[in-house]
Structure formats: C-alpha cells, structure tokens
Protein backbone atom coordinates (compact mmCIF):
# COMPACT_ATOMS: atom_id res chain seq x y z
CA MET A 1 5.55 -2.22 -20.67
CA SER A 2 4.35 -3.54 -17.33
CA LEU A 3 0.94 -4.18 -15.84
CA PHE A 4 0.50 -2.49 -12.49
CA CYS A 5 -1.93 -4.22 -10.16
CA LEU A 6 -2.92 -1.45 -7.74
CA VAL A 7 -4.24 -2.50 -4.33
CA HIS A 8 -5.74 0.22 -2.17
CA GLY A 9 -5.45 0.68 1.58
CA ALA A 10 -7.96 1.09 4.39
CA TYR A 11 -11.02 3.30 3.85
CA CYS A 12 -10.37 3.56 0.11
CA GLY A 13 -11.38 1.81 -3.10
CA ALA A 14 -10.28 1.44 -6.70
CA TRP A 15 -11.23 5.11 -7.18
CA CYS A 16 -8.12 6.25 -5.30
CA TRP A 17 -5.96 5.31 -8.29
CA ASP A 18 -7.96 7.36 -10.80
CA LEU A 19 -5.38 10.14 -11.06
CA LEU A 20 -2.40 7.78 -11.23
CA ILE A 21 -3.64 5.34 -13.89
CA PRO A 22 -3.63 7.87 -16.77
CA GLU A 23 -0.07 8.80 -15.82
CA LEU A 24 1.03 5.16 -15.92
CA GLU A 25 -0.72 4.68 -19.26
CA ALA A 26 1.03 7.78 -20.62
CA ARG A 27 4.31 6.02 -19.79
CA GLY A 28 3.28 2.94 -21.78
CA HIS A 29 1.99 0.76 -18.94
CA LYS A 30 -1.31 -0.90 -18.15
CA ALA A 31 -3.09 -0.92 -14.81
CA VAL A 32 -5.80 -2.84 -13.00
CA ALA A 33 -7.47 -1.90 -9.71
CA MET A 34 -10.21 -3.44 -7.62
CA ASP A 35 -12.40 -2.74 -4.57
CA LEU A 36 -11.33 -4.80 -1.59
CA PRO A 37 -14.21 -6.08 0.58
CA ILE A 38 -13.34 -3.80 3.49
CA GLU A 39 -17.01 -3.71 4.53
CA GLU A 40 -16.82 -7.40 5.53
CA PRO A 41 -16.25 -7.58 9.30
CA GLU A 42 -14.32 -10.87 9.17
CA ALA A 43 -12.09 -10.05 6.19
CA GLY A 44 -8.33 -10.36 6.63
CA ALA A 45 -5.29 -10.72 4.41
CA ILE A 46 -6.46 -14.00 2.83
CA ARG A 47 -9.88 -12.61 1.89
CA TYR A 48 -8.39 -9.44 0.48
CA ALA A 49 -5.83 -11.47 -1.48
CA GLU A 50 -8.64 -13.57 -2.99
CA VAL A 51 -10.17 -10.44 -4.51
CA VAL A 52 -6.83 -9.30 -5.92
CA LEU A 53 -6.26 -12.76 -7.38
CA GLN A 54 -9.68 -12.58 -9.05
CA ALA A 55 -8.64 -9.31 -10.70
CA LEU A 56 -5.47 -11.03 -11.96
CA GLN A 57 -7.24 -14.04 -13.46
CA GLY A 58 -6.15 -14.54 -17.06
CA ILE A 59 -3.39 -11.95 -16.76
CA SER A 60 0.02 -13.30 -17.65
CA ASP A 61 1.70 -9.98 -18.39
CA ASP A 62 4.68 -8.58 -16.53
CA VAL A 63 2.84 -7.84 -13.25
CA ILE A 64 4.06 -5.31 -10.72
CA LEU A 65 1.95 -5.52 -7.58
CA VAL A 66 1.57 -2.24 -5.67
CA GLY A 67 0.15 -2.30 -2.15
CA HIS A 68 -0.74 1.00 -0.52
CA SER A 69 -0.83 1.37 3.27
CA MET A 70 -2.76 -1.58 4.78
CA SER A 71 -2.34 -3.58 1.57
CA GLY A 72 1.38 -3.89 2.09
CA LEU A 73 0.25 -6.73 4.37
CA VAL A 74 -1.74 -8.27 1.50
CA ILE A 75 0.46 -8.17 -1.58
CA PRO A 76 2.96 -10.84 -0.41
CA VAL A 77 0.01 -13.18 0.15
CA VAL A 78 -1.04 -12.56 -3.46
CA ALA A 79 2.52 -13.12 -4.67
CA SER A 80 2.63 -16.48 -2.92
CA GLN A 81 -0.20 -17.63 -5.22
CA HIS A 82 0.29 -15.73 -8.48
CA PRO A 83 3.52 -14.96 -10.39
CA VAL A 84 4.52 -11.31 -10.17
CA ARG A 85 7.77 -9.61 -11.15
CA LYS A 86 7.97 -7.11 -8.33
CA LEU A 87 6.24 -6.09 -5.13
CA VAL A 88 6.01 -2.38 -4.40
CA TYR A 89 5.09 -1.32 -0.89
CA LEU A 90 3.70 2.22 -1.05
CA ALA A 91 3.69 3.96 2.36
CA GLY A 92 2.59 0.59 3.66
CA GLY A 93 2.89 -2.13 6.20
CA ILE A 94 5.20 -5.09 5.73
CA PRO A 95 4.21 -8.45 7.24
CA LYS A 96 6.44 -10.61 9.38
CA VAL A 97 5.97 -14.35 9.33
CA GLY A 98 4.67 -15.76 12.62
CA THR A 99 3.41 -12.55 14.17
CA SER A 100 0.87 -9.75 13.80
CA VAL A 101 1.15 -6.01 13.47
CA VAL A 102 -0.56 -5.55 16.84
CA GLU A 103 2.01 -7.78 18.52
CA ARG A 104 4.86 -5.99 16.80
CA ILE A 105 3.82 -2.52 17.92
CA SER A 106 2.75 -3.64 21.40
CA HIS A 107 5.48 -6.05 22.43
CA GLY A 108 8.26 -5.65 19.92
CA ASP A 109 10.65 -2.95 18.80
CA GLU A 110 8.23 -1.46 16.25
CA SER A 111 6.18 0.82 18.49
CA ASP A 112 7.14 3.68 16.14
CA MET A 113 5.34 2.12 13.15
CA PHE A 114 2.38 4.51 13.22
CA ASN A 115 1.89 8.17 13.85
CA SER A 116 0.24 8.35 17.25
CA ALA A 117 -2.93 9.84 15.74
CA ALA A 118 -3.45 7.01 13.25
CA PRO A 119 -4.45 3.79 15.09
CA ASN A 120 -7.96 3.13 16.35
CA LYS A 121 -9.52 6.12 14.63
CA ASP A 122 -11.92 6.03 11.70
CA ALA A 123 -10.97 8.42 8.92
CA SER A 124 -14.15 7.59 7.01
CA GLU A 125 -16.28 9.10 9.78
CA ASP A 126 -14.15 12.16 10.52
CA ASN A 127 -13.42 14.59 7.71
CA ALA A 128 -10.88 16.52 9.76
CA LEU A 129 -9.00 13.31 10.56
CA ALA A 130 -9.07 12.29 6.90
CA MET A 131 -7.53 15.61 5.96
CA GLU A 132 -4.92 15.33 8.71
CA LEU A 133 -3.79 11.76 8.03
CA LEU A 134 -4.54 11.15 4.35
CA PHE A 135 -5.07 14.25 2.25
CA HIS A 136 -3.22 17.15 3.90
CA ASP A 137 -0.98 17.68 0.87
CA CYS A 138 -3.65 17.22 -1.79
CA LYS A 139 -5.06 20.07 -3.82
CA PRO A 140 -8.27 21.27 -2.13
CA GLU A 141 -10.43 20.10 -5.03
CA VAL A 142 -8.85 16.62 -4.92
CA ALA A 143 -9.40 16.32 -1.17
CA GLN A 144 -13.00 17.48 -1.55
CA TRP A 145 -13.53 14.83 -4.24
CA ALA A 146 -11.87 12.07 -2.23
CA ILE A 147 -13.30 12.51 1.26
CA PRO A 148 -16.93 11.59 0.38
CA LYS A 149 -15.65 8.43 -1.32
CA LEU A 150 -14.00 7.03 1.81
CA ARG A 151 -15.49 3.71 2.92
CA TYR A 152 -15.99 2.26 6.37
CA GLN A 153 -13.24 -0.17 7.32
CA ALA A 154 -15.26 -2.86 9.06
CA SER A 155 -12.41 -5.15 10.02
CA GLY A 156 -9.02 -4.62 11.60
CA LEU A 157 -8.21 -8.32 11.29
CA VAL A 158 -5.39 -7.71 8.83
CA PHE A 159 -3.55 -5.93 11.65
CA SER A 160 -4.47 -8.25 14.53
CA GLU A 161 -4.14 -11.64 12.83
CA ILE A 162 -0.90 -13.58 12.65
CA SER A 163 0.33 -13.24 9.10
CA PRO A 164 -0.96 -16.14 6.97
CA LEU A 165 2.40 -16.34 5.22
CA GLN A 166 4.58 -19.36 5.95
CA THR A 167 7.53 -17.59 4.34
CA MET A 168 7.99 -14.34 2.47
CA PRO A 169 7.71 -14.88 -1.30
CA GLU A 170 10.96 -14.82 -3.23
CA VAL A 171 10.03 -11.79 -5.29
CA GLU A 172 12.04 -8.64 -5.77
CA SER A 173 10.64 -5.81 -3.66
CA ALA A 174 10.75 -2.03 -3.52
CA TYR A 175 9.52 0.29 -0.78
CA ILE A 176 8.37 3.87 -1.37
CA VAL A 177 8.50 5.97 1.77
CA CYS A 178 6.47 9.16 1.75
CA THR A 179 8.51 11.75 3.60
CA GLU A 180 5.47 13.73 4.80
CA ASP A 181 3.43 10.66 5.76
CA ARG A 182 1.27 11.20 8.84
CA THR A 183 0.10 7.57 9.08
CA PHE A 184 3.15 5.30 8.86
CA THR A 185 6.28 7.00 10.16
CA SER A 186 9.18 7.48 7.80
CA VAL A 187 11.60 6.32 10.52
CA TRP A 188 9.90 2.95 10.79
CA SER A 189 9.36 2.66 7.02
CA LYS A 190 13.03 3.12 6.20
CA ARG A 191 14.16 0.73 8.91
CA ALA A 192 11.61 -1.96 8.06
CA ALA A 193 12.39 -1.77 4.34
CA ARG A 194 16.01 -2.54 5.11
CA GLU A 195 15.50 -5.11 7.87
CA ILE A 196 12.56 -7.06 6.43
CA LEU A 197 12.83 -6.57 2.66
CA GLY A 198 16.56 -5.98 2.36
CA VAL A 199 16.15 -2.78 0.32
CA ASP A 200 16.73 0.90 0.87
CA ALA A 201 13.47 2.82 0.71
CA ILE A 202 12.86 5.14 -2.22
CA ALA A 203 11.91 8.57 -0.86
CA LEU A 204 8.98 10.49 -2.34
CA GLN A 205 8.14 13.93 -1.02
CA SER A 206 4.45 13.51 -0.29
CA GLY A 207 1.87 12.66 2.31
CA HIS A 208 0.27 9.27 2.79
CA CYS A 209 -1.62 9.18 -0.53
CA PRO A 210 0.75 10.25 -3.32
CA GLN A 211 -1.51 8.61 -5.90
CA LEU A 212 -3.81 11.56 -5.21
CA SER A 213 -1.42 14.32 -4.17
CA ARG A 214 1.57 13.56 -6.43
CA PRO A 215 0.35 11.28 -9.25
CA VAL A 216 2.93 12.51 -11.78
CA GLU A 217 5.84 12.07 -9.39
CA LEU A 218 4.59 8.67 -8.23
CA ALA A 219 4.16 7.50 -11.81
CA ASP A 220 7.76 8.51 -12.50
CA VAL A 221 8.98 6.47 -9.52
CA LEU A 222 6.91 3.44 -10.50
CA ASP A 223 8.09 3.70 -14.09
CA SER A 224 11.70 3.78 -12.89
CA ILE A 225 11.08 0.69 -10.76
CA THR A 226 10.14 -1.24 -13.90
CA GLN A 227 13.44 -0.36 -15.51
CA VAL A 228 16.07 -0.92 -12.82
CA ASP A 229 17.08 -3.51 -10.26
CA ASN A 230 15.94 -2.09 -6.95
CA THR A 231 17.57 -4.67 -4.71
CA GLU A 232 19.82 -1.90 -3.47
CA ALA A 233 17.68 1.12 -4.43
CA ALA A 234 18.82 4.48 -3.11
C-alpha cells in the first residue's frame, strides 16, 4: 500500500482527483489532495510546495508524489524537504536547475514544450478553450461537471521564475506522457523525461487530464509504478 499525494495543475483544485481517488483506494492505496493557492498573484513553486508540505504533515507512510501539469515544477521542491519514495510527473513540466521555463522555451532547445494554443491563454475564462486543451476526451457529463470548477490562475511565476532548486532531489522518478495531450507536447515530454529524469516515459492514451478522462487506466499505471522499478520504464 502506498499513499499518493496528488498535486493539481493550473486552473484546477483538489476536486480534479475525485474520480481517481476511489480507483486508487480500490487498489489498496490511500490518497491525499489539496487546493494550491493559485489565486495568490505572487505564488510560485516555493509557496505551492509549502501547501503540499502542510498536507503531508504527520504522514510517514510510503509517499508517492504525483504532480500534474504545472505541478511537475513543484513536486521536486516538495521532495527536497519531505521524504518521498517516488516522484510521478503526470503530463507535466520538469524543472531545470538554474533556469526558468520561459527561458527554456524562448532561448533554449525546448520551444516545442507546449502546444501553440496553450501558453498565455486562460482556460478558466474560456469554456471552448478548456474543452480544447483540457477535457476534449472526457465524457460530456464529466466535462460539464469540471468546467465550472476551474479556478483563475492568478500567477504565472512558477513558469517565469528561476527554479528554486539547487539540485534535483535524489528520488526515483517516473513520467506519464499522455499521447493525446493538447497542452504539453508528447515529443517534448518523452525527450525531457529521458534527458532530465533519465527515464523512458510511460505512455497513456489520453488527453491532458487522465484523472478525469481515464481514471481507471491512470490508476492502473500508478498502481504499477508502486510495484516496479521505473528507472528504465518502457
């Protein structure tokens, strides 16, 4: 049994894990989720990590930290301050020490990180955009339930700030690439998983939010991650 600490991405909240958590529990695991303070205009990776660390206070179980989308930039910061067994990047960003995401996509070789429709647009204010980028493969009733719950993302600091990490934590990592993702590109995700984390990405046939569109399949992947060494995952 593992405890999954589930950290949501931009525009979302703890609610986005509601369909996944029962599936994890059915497989014998526990889960904890929290609302990041995305409404705070000055919040970055350190502030978000503080809230995750609060949710982990008193928890000494076998923790697997899952960061979706934006929160891939947050979970290594958490792992630098709290013991975790594994980091799981779910259709998410991966930080690089000494630089920012903005610098990497503007001046580096990672200009293919995002789908061209994703940056600088607010999915919480545009239902059509939310459907296009986040929920296109969800059942209609799930998308209709999710869209009104989207929250305004007040700060983009987590993308523009230089990563607060001095070094990447020495924690085993896994990366789940969503093959139909319309936010992060699968080309970048696979390459970054290998080059930065040293792992081969685990492919999941889904859009950007498999916790909502493919909760059973995602739970199976996460359950398998608890049972095998994913240093060279296929």
